[in-house]
C-alpha atoms as a PDB file:
ATOM      1  CA  UNK A   1     -36.968  53.861  -6.780  1.00  0.00           C
ATOM      2  CA  UNK A   2     -34.896  53.899  -3.581  1.00  0.00           C
ATOM      3  CA  UNK A   3     -35.268  50.161  -2.968  1.00  0.00           C
ATOM      4  CA  UNK A   4     -34.289  49.155  -6.500  1.00  0.00           C
ATOM      5  CA  UNK A   5     -31.385  51.605  -6.507  1.00  0.00           C
ATOM      6  CA  UNK A   6     -30.094  49.969  -3.323  1.00  0.00           C
ATOM      7  CA  UNK A   7     -30.588  46.438  -4.668  1.00  0.00           C
ATOM      8  CA  UNK A   8     -29.508  46.799  -8.305  1.00  0.00           C
ATOM      9  CA  UNK A   9     -27.590  50.066  -8.415  1.00  0.00           C
ATOM     10  CA  UNK A  10     -28.585  53.260 -10.224  1.00  0.00           C
ATOM     11  CA  UNK A  11     -27.758  51.814 -13.653  1.00  0.00           C
ATOM     12  CA  UNK A  12     -30.116  48.822 -13.283  1.00  0.00           C
ATOM     13  CA  UNK A  13     -32.800  50.374 -11.065  1.00  0.00           C
ATOM     14  CA  UNK A  14     -35.383  50.799 -13.820  1.00  0.00           C
ATOM     15  CA  UNK A  15     -34.916  47.239 -15.095  1.00  0.00           C
ATOM     16  CA  UNK A  16     -35.445  45.806 -11.612  1.00  0.00           C
ATOM     17  CA  UNK A  17     -38.431  48.017 -10.879  1.00  0.00           C
ATOM     18  CA  UNK A  18     -40.169  47.423 -14.203  1.00  0.00           C
ATOM     19  CA  UNK A  19     -39.194  43.743 -14.353  1.00  0.00           C
ATOM     20  CA  UNK A  20     -40.561  42.952 -10.908  1.00  0.00           C
ATOM     21  CA  UNK A  21     -43.682  44.974 -11.668  1.00  0.00           C
ATOM     22  CA  UNK A  22     -44.297  42.952 -14.823  1.00  0.00           C
ATOM     23  CA  UNK A  23     -43.752  39.726 -12.876  1.00  0.00           C
ATOM     24  CA  UNK A  24     -46.237  40.835 -10.218  1.00  0.00           C
ATOM     25  CA  UNK A  25     -48.796  41.881 -12.848  1.00  0.00           C
ATOM     26  CA  UNK A  26     -48.524  38.578 -14.724  1.00  0.00           C
ATOM     27  CA  UNK A  27     -48.862  36.664 -11.437  1.00  0.00           C
ATOM     28  CA  UNK A  28     -51.969  38.651 -10.485  1.00  0.00           C
ATOM     29  CA  UNK A  29     -53.626  38.066 -13.868  1.00  0.00           C
ATOM     30  CA  UNK A  30     -52.826  34.344 -13.730  1.00  0.00           C
ATOM     31  CA  UNK A  31     -54.300  34.110 -10.222  1.00  0.00           C
ATOM     32  CA  UNK A  32     -57.556  35.649 -11.456  1.00  0.00           C
ATOM     33  CA  UNK A  33     -57.981  32.977 -14.153  1.00  0.00           C
ATOM     34  CA  UNK A  34     -59.130  29.691 -12.561  1.00  0.00           C
ATOM     35  CA  UNK A  35     -57.205  27.405 -14.950  1.00  0.00           C
ATOM     36  CA  UNK A  36     -53.917  29.253 -14.348  1.00  0.00           C
ATOM     37  CA  UNK A  37     -54.387  30.147 -10.677  1.00  0.00           C
ATOM     38  CA  UNK A  38     -51.749  27.727  -9.383  1.00  0.00           C
ATOM     39  CA  UNK A  39     -49.164  29.026 -11.875  1.00  0.00           C
ATOM     40  CA  UNK A  40     -49.865  32.596 -10.785  1.00  0.00           C
ATOM     41  CA  UNK A  41     -49.398  31.574  -7.172  1.00  0.00           C
ATOM     42  CA  UNK A  42     -46.069  29.909  -7.982  1.00  0.00           C
ATOM     43  CA  UNK A  43     -44.902  32.988  -9.908  1.00  0.00           C
ATOM     44  CA  UNK A  44     -46.062  35.247  -7.086  1.00  0.00           C
ATOM     45  CA  UNK A  45     -44.092  33.197  -4.556  1.00  0.00           C
ATOM     46  CA  UNK A  46     -40.955  33.355  -6.709  1.00  0.00           C
ATOM     47  CA  UNK A  47     -41.204  37.128  -7.178  1.00  0.00           C
ATOM     48  CA  UNK A  48     -41.896  37.782  -3.506  1.00  0.00           C
ATOM     49  CA  UNK A  49     -39.083  35.464  -2.390  1.00  0.00           C
ATOM     50  CA  UNK A  50     -36.761  37.801  -4.303  1.00  0.00           C
ATOM     51  CA  UNK A  51     -38.164  40.746  -2.375  1.00  0.00           C
ATOM     52  CA  UNK A  52     -37.828  38.960   0.966  1.00  0.00           C
ATOM     53  CA  UNK A  53     -34.268  37.902   0.111  1.00  0.00           C
ATOM     54  CA  UNK A  54     -33.421  41.533  -0.722  1.00  0.00           C
ATOM     55  CA  UNK A  55     -34.853  42.681   2.597  1.00  0.00           C
ATOM     56  CA  UNK A  56     -32.893  40.097   4.549  1.00  0.00           C
ATOM     57  CA  UNK A  57     -29.564  40.632   2.773  1.00  0.00           C
ATOM     58  CA  UNK A  58     -29.359  44.206   1.479  1.00  0.00           C
ATOM     59  CA  UNK A  59     -32.189  46.459   2.609  1.00  0.00           C
ATOM     60  CA  UNK A  60     -32.993  45.361   6.121  1.00  0.00           C
ATOM     61  CA  UNK A  61     -36.444  44.678   7.486  1.00  0.00           C
ATOM     62  CA  UNK A  62     -37.170  48.374   8.057  1.00  0.00           C
ATOM     63  CA  UNK A  63     -36.762  50.514   4.931  1.00  0.00           C
ATOM     64  CA  UNK A  64     -36.918  54.305   5.158  1.00  0.00           C
ATOM     65  CA  UNK A  65     -38.616  54.210   8.581  1.00  0.00           C
ATOM     66  CA  UNK A  66     -41.582  52.151   7.317  1.00  0.00           C
ATOM     67  CA  UNK A  67     -41.587  50.110  10.517  1.00  0.00           C
ATOM     68  CA  UNK A  68     -41.119  46.926   8.526  1.00  0.00           C
ATOM     69  CA  UNK A  69     -44.424  47.303   6.676  1.00  0.00           C
ATOM     70  CA  UNK A  70     -43.054  46.291   3.264  1.00  0.00           C
ATOM     71  CA  UNK A  71     -41.329  43.247   4.728  1.00  0.00           C
ATOM     72  CA  UNK A  72     -44.454  42.163   6.623  1.00  0.00           C
ATOM     73  CA  UNK A  73     -46.603  42.581   3.502  1.00  0.00           C
ATOM     74  CA  UNK A  74     -44.107  40.522   1.499  1.00  0.00           C
ATOM     75  CA  UNK A  75     -44.297  37.746   4.101  1.00  0.00           C
ATOM     76  CA  UNK A  76     -48.106  37.828   3.953  1.00  0.00           C
ATOM     77  CA  UNK A  77     -48.026  37.562   0.148  1.00  0.00           C
ATOM     78  CA  UNK A  78     -45.650  34.587   0.422  1.00  0.00           C
ATOM     79  CA  UNK A  79     -47.933  32.786   2.899  1.00  0.00           C
ATOM     80  CA  UNK A  80     -51.024  33.429   0.757  1.00  0.00           C
ATOM     81  CA  UNK A  81     -49.220  32.332  -2.413  1.00  0.00           C
ATOM     82  CA  UNK A  82     -48.116  29.133  -0.694  1.00  0.00           C
ATOM     83  CA  UNK A  83     -51.687  28.544   0.493  1.00  0.00           C
ATOM     84  CA  UNK A  84     -52.980  28.925  -3.071  1.00  0.00           C
ATOM     85  CA  UNK A  85     -50.368  26.479  -4.333  1.00  0.00           C
ATOM     86  CA  UNK A  86     -51.375  23.956  -1.657  1.00  0.00           C
ATOM     87  CA  UNK A  87     -55.083  24.380  -2.340  1.00  0.00           C
ATOM     88  CA  UNK A  88     -54.642  24.008  -6.116  1.00  0.00           C
ATOM     89  CA  UNK A  89     -51.679  21.600  -6.141  1.00  0.00           C
ATOM     90  CA  UNK A  90     -53.706  19.032  -8.087  1.00  0.00           C
ATOM     91  CA  UNK A  91     -53.598  21.458 -11.049  1.00  0.00           C
ATOM     92  CA  UNK A  92     -49.799  21.230 -11.212  1.00  0.00           C
ATOM     93  CA  UNK A  93     -48.474  18.864 -13.882  1.00  0.00           C
ATOM     94  CA  UNK A  94     -46.417  16.777 -11.459  1.00  0.00           C
ATOM     95  CA  UNK A  95     -45.991  13.047 -11.855  1.00  0.00           C
ATOM     96  CA  UNK A  96     -47.555  10.935  -9.167  1.00  0.00           C
ATOM     97  CA  UNK A  97     -45.293   8.538  -7.281  1.00  0.00           C
ATOM     98  CA  UNK A  98     -47.903   5.757  -7.490  1.00  0.00           C
END
């Protein structure tokens, strides 16, 4: 609650908290399904980039004396999401340049 109150204000805290939670849940489910894995990884990267951006601009790397744990975990999720996208990039509907 503290993080979303700092980022979105007390009026929008619940929308940010629930909205990001839904985004994370959808990403996790998509990652578990082989045909949609790459889309889940892309969604996960987008959601976590928002968290990293919030840490770097509003919250700071260390939040409530956590020693930077949340920020480090967010960076790990971003790296793993990017790895999944790279591994499964052939599943993306991108046009080939050839």
